[in-house]
Amino acid sequence: MGEDYFVSLVEDRPDSGMWHTGPNAAWVTVTHRPTMISARMFDMSHFAAREAALACCQMMVDQSRLLKCQFPDRIGAAA
């Protein structure tokens, strides 16, 4: 994953105070630092939420790189 991604975790703890008795649901946010593209996922497993958010963020970063590569060609074709 390296230094390009920042991962933040927010646990969803119930108001009853019994959060330590079972798995804790979590919101995981993964941010790609150079482009500031971020993805947020929710799951009962921290690991599953992190992996899903990372995959989604990587997909969006790859898509943005693809669009940047094709962008000058589309401008030339439109003009």
C-alpha atoms as a PDB file:
ATOM      1  CA  MET A   1       0.000   0.000   0.000  1.00  0.00           C
ATOM      2  CA  GLY A   2       2.894   2.328   0.719  1.00  0.00           C
ATOM      3  CA  GLU A   3       2.946   5.999   1.610  1.00  0.00           C
ATOM      4  CA  ASP A   4       0.486   7.024  -1.114  1.00  0.00           C
ATOM      5  CA  TYR A   5      -2.545   5.883   0.869  1.00  0.00           C
ATOM      6  CA  PHE A   6      -3.879   7.082   4.224  1.00  0.00           C
ATOM      7  CA  VAL A   7      -6.257   4.811   6.160  1.00  0.00           C
ATOM      8  CA  SER A   8      -8.556   6.050   8.912  1.00  0.00           C
ATOM      9  CA  LEU A   9     -10.842   3.879  11.036  1.00  0.00           C
ATOM     10  CA  VAL A  10     -13.946   4.852  13.009  1.00  0.00           C
ATOM     11  CA  GLU A  11     -15.515   2.124  15.128  1.00  0.00           C
ATOM     12  CA  ASP A  12     -19.286   2.139  15.430  1.00  0.00           C
ATOM     13  CA  ARG A  13     -19.779   1.566  19.156  1.00  0.00           C
ATOM     14  CA  PRO A  14     -23.284   1.107  20.539  1.00  0.00           C
ATOM     15  CA  ASP A  15     -24.692   3.453  23.186  1.00  0.00           C
ATOM     16  CA  SER A  16     -25.335   0.529  25.548  1.00  0.00           C
ATOM     17  CA  GLY A  17     -21.656   0.298  26.493  1.00  0.00           C
ATOM     18  CA  MET A  18     -21.403  -3.390  25.552  1.00  0.00           C
ATOM     19  CA  TRP A  19     -19.171  -2.787  22.532  1.00  0.00           C
ATOM     20  CA  HIS A  20     -16.395  -5.077  23.778  1.00  0.00           C
ATOM     21  CA  THR A  21     -18.502  -8.257  23.776  1.00  0.00           C
ATOM     22  CA  GLY A  22     -18.459  -8.948  20.032  1.00  0.00           C
ATOM     23  CA  PRO A  23     -17.152  -7.769  16.693  1.00  0.00           C
ATOM     24  CA  ASN A  24     -17.203  -4.016  16.251  1.00  0.00           C
ATOM     25  CA  ALA A  25     -18.592  -2.555  13.075  1.00  0.00           C
ATOM     26  CA  ALA A  26     -16.273  -0.023  11.486  1.00  0.00           C
ATOM     27  CA  TRP A  27     -16.166   2.728   8.910  1.00  0.00           C
ATOM     28  CA  VAL A  28     -12.852   2.660   7.050  1.00  0.00           C
ATOM     29  CA  THR A  29     -11.772   5.546   4.838  1.00  0.00           C
ATOM     30  CA  VAL A  30      -8.855   5.132   2.411  1.00  0.00           C
ATOM     31  CA  THR A  31      -7.446   8.302   0.813  1.00  0.00           C
ATOM     32  CA  HIS A  32      -4.951   8.430  -2.066  1.00  0.00           C
ATOM     33  CA  ARG A  33      -2.747  11.344  -0.987  1.00  0.00           C
ATOM     34  CA  PRO A  34      -1.451  12.575  -4.384  1.00  0.00           C
ATOM     35  CA  THR A  35      -4.951  12.867  -5.892  1.00  0.00           C
ATOM     36  CA  MET A  36      -7.045  13.165  -2.672  1.00  0.00           C
ATOM     37  CA  ILE A  37      -9.436  10.513  -4.006  1.00  0.00           C
ATOM     38  CA  SER A  38     -11.085   8.681  -1.125  1.00  0.00           C
ATOM     39  CA  ALA A  39     -13.387   5.717  -0.604  1.00  0.00           C
ATOM     40  CA  ARG A  40     -15.334   4.817   2.531  1.00  0.00           C
ATOM     41  CA  MET A  41     -16.665   1.362   3.414  1.00  0.00           C
ATOM     42  CA  PHE A  42     -18.641  -0.100   6.311  1.00  0.00           C
ATOM     43  CA  ASP A  43     -18.398  -3.698   7.515  1.00  0.00           C
ATOM     44  CA  MET A  44     -18.469  -5.762  10.684  1.00  0.00           C
ATOM     45  CA  SER A  45     -14.864  -6.752   9.957  1.00  0.00           C
ATOM     46  CA  HIS A  46     -12.205  -4.030   9.975  1.00  0.00           C
ATOM     47  CA  PHE A  47     -10.065  -6.043   7.580  1.00  0.00           C
ATOM     48  CA  ALA A  48     -12.887  -6.600   5.065  1.00  0.00           C
ATOM     49  CA  ALA A  49     -13.862  -2.914   5.167  1.00  0.00           C
ATOM     50  CA  ARG A  50     -10.236  -1.851   4.657  1.00  0.00           C
ATOM     51  CA  GLU A  51      -9.707  -4.210   1.729  1.00  0.00           C
ATOM     52  CA  ALA A  52     -12.957  -3.108   0.039  1.00  0.00           C
ATOM     53  CA  ALA A  53     -12.171   0.598   0.507  1.00  0.00           C
ATOM     54  CA  LEU A  54      -8.622   0.118  -0.790  1.00  0.00           C
ATOM     55  CA  ALA A  55      -9.831  -1.769  -3.879  1.00  0.00           C
ATOM     56  CA  CYS A  56     -12.442   0.910  -4.613  1.00  0.00           C
ATOM     57  CA  CYS A  57      -9.922   3.724  -4.135  1.00  0.00           C
ATOM     58  CA  GLN A  58      -7.367   2.027  -6.395  1.00  0.00           C
ATOM     59  CA  MET A  59     -10.043   1.555  -9.058  1.00  0.00           C
ATOM     60  CA  MET A  60     -10.941   5.257  -8.952  1.00  0.00           C
ATOM     61  CA  VAL A  61      -7.262   6.300  -9.102  1.00  0.00           C
ATOM     62  CA  ASP A  62      -6.673   4.028 -12.103  1.00  0.00           C
ATOM     63  CA  GLN A  63      -9.779   5.444 -13.803  1.00  0.00           C
ATOM     64  CA  SER A  64      -8.605   9.017 -13.220  1.00  0.00           C
ATOM     65  CA  ARG A  65      -5.196   8.180 -14.696  1.00  0.00           C
ATOM     66  CA  LEU A  66      -6.884   6.639 -17.712  1.00  0.00           C
ATOM     67  CA  LEU A  67      -9.039   9.722 -18.263  1.00  0.00           C
ATOM     68  CA  LYS A  68      -6.034  12.037 -17.923  1.00  0.00           C
ATOM     69  CA  CYS A  69      -4.202  10.065 -20.593  1.00  0.00           C
ATOM     70  CA  GLN A  70      -7.151  10.319 -23.004  1.00  0.00           C
ATOM     71  CA  PHE A  71      -8.135  13.897 -22.181  1.00  0.00           C
ATOM     72  CA  PRO A  72      -5.905  15.743 -24.738  1.00  0.00           C
ATOM     73  CA  ASP A  73      -7.061  13.409 -27.533  1.00  0.00           C
ATOM     74  CA  ARG A  74     -10.708  14.220 -26.804  1.00  0.00           C
ATOM     75  CA  ILE A  75     -10.029  17.974 -26.839  1.00  0.00           C
ATOM     76  CA  GLY A  76      -8.236  17.730 -30.184  1.00  0.00           C
ATOM     77  CA  ALA A  77     -11.094  15.699 -31.670  1.00  0.00           C
ATOM     78  CA  ALA A  78     -13.740  18.145 -30.436  1.00  0.00           C
ATOM     79  CA  ALA A  79     -11.975  21.226 -31.843  1.00  0.00           C
END
